Protein backbone atom coordinates (compact mmCIF):
# COMPACT_ATOMS: atom_id res chain seq x y z
CA MET A 1 -10.27 12.98 5.54
CA ILE A 2 -6.91 11.62 6.46
CA GLU A 3 -3.94 13.80 5.51
CA LEU A 4 -1.37 11.97 3.40
CA THR A 5 2.13 13.07 2.39
CA GLU A 6 3.13 13.18 -1.25
CA ASP A 7 4.97 9.85 -1.00
CA GLU A 8 2.00 8.26 0.75
CA LYS A 9 -0.26 9.52 -2.05
CA LYS A 10 2.17 8.08 -4.60
CA VAL A 11 2.12 4.66 -2.88
CA VAL A 12 -1.72 4.60 -2.65
CA GLU A 13 -1.92 5.50 -6.34
CA ALA A 14 0.52 2.73 -7.19
CA MET A 15 -1.55 0.28 -5.21
CA LYS A 16 -4.71 1.36 -7.02
CA SER A 17 -3.00 0.90 -10.41
CA LEU A 18 -2.00 -2.58 -9.26
CA ARG A 19 -5.63 -3.24 -8.34
CA ALA A 20 -4.64 -3.88 -4.76
CA VAL A 21 -8.06 -2.86 -3.54
CA THR A 22 -9.39 -6.10 -2.25
CA GLU A 23 -7.93 -8.87 -0.10
CA GLN A 24 -7.81 -11.08 -3.22
CA GLY A 25 -5.83 -8.38 -5.06
CA LYS A 26 -3.28 -7.78 -2.27
CA LYS A 27 0.33 -7.02 -3.29
CA ASP A 28 3.67 -7.25 -1.49
CA VAL A 29 6.04 -4.42 -0.81
CA ASP A 30 8.33 -5.39 -3.77
CA GLN A 31 5.52 -5.00 -6.29
CA ILE A 32 4.32 -1.69 -4.73
CA ALA A 33 7.85 -0.23 -4.56
CA LYS A 34 8.47 -1.13 -8.21
CA THR A 35 5.20 0.48 -9.41
CA ALA A 36 5.72 3.61 -7.23
CA MET A 37 9.31 3.83 -8.37
CA LEU A 38 10.61 4.06 -4.81
CA PRO A 39 13.36 2.14 -3.05
CA LYS A 40 11.99 -0.94 -1.27
CA GLY A 41 12.99 0.24 2.24
CA LYS A 42 11.30 3.57 1.76
CA ALA A 43 8.20 2.01 0.28
CA ALA A 44 8.08 -0.47 3.24
CA GLY A 45 8.18 2.48 5.69
CA ILE A 46 5.43 4.35 3.86
CA VAL A 47 3.23 1.26 3.64
CA GLN A 48 3.63 0.73 7.43
CA ASN A 49 2.65 4.40 8.02
CA LEU A 50 -0.43 3.80 5.84
CA VAL A 51 -1.32 0.69 7.82
CA ASN A 52 -1.04 2.78 11.04
CA LYS A 53 -3.31 5.41 9.51
CA LYS A 54 -5.80 2.65 8.57
CA VAL A 55 -5.52 3.50 4.89
CA VAL A 56 -4.02 0.16 3.98
CA LYS A 57 -4.65 -3.29 5.45
CA ARG A 58 -1.92 -5.82 6.03
CA ILE A 59 -2.55 -9.60 5.53
CA ALA A 60 0.10 -12.04 6.81
CA ARG A 61 1.17 -14.71 4.34
CA GLU A 62 3.77 -17.46 4.42
CA LYS A 63 6.70 -15.44 2.92
CA ALA A 64 5.81 -11.81 2.42
CA ALA A 65 2.81 -9.90 3.80
CA GLY A 66 0.21 -8.66 1.39
CA TYR A 67 -1.29 -5.19 1.45
CA PHE A 68 -4.40 -3.61 -0.07
CA VAL A 69 -6.13 -0.17 0.09
CA ILE A 70 -9.12 -0.15 2.47
CA GLU A 71 -12.41 0.39 0.54
CA GLN A 72 -13.46 3.74 2.07
CA MET A 73 -10.11 5.27 0.94
CA LEU A 74 -10.99 4.60 -2.71
CA GLN A 75 -13.33 7.62 -3.06
């Protein structure tokens, strides 16, 4: 199991509550930060760490990238 910090856990839980668990349900950092009640810059850094840990997947879009929790992390 991947070790997550408290802030990383908070962001993953926020993403789950937003239903960002499939590519179709992807959310941008603004939405994630608002739900996790974190500053946007901090949330962006945490999301990037989660991408590096392969907990979250990033999908490029025209304006802002979308993110969702990778399926095996939902258990």
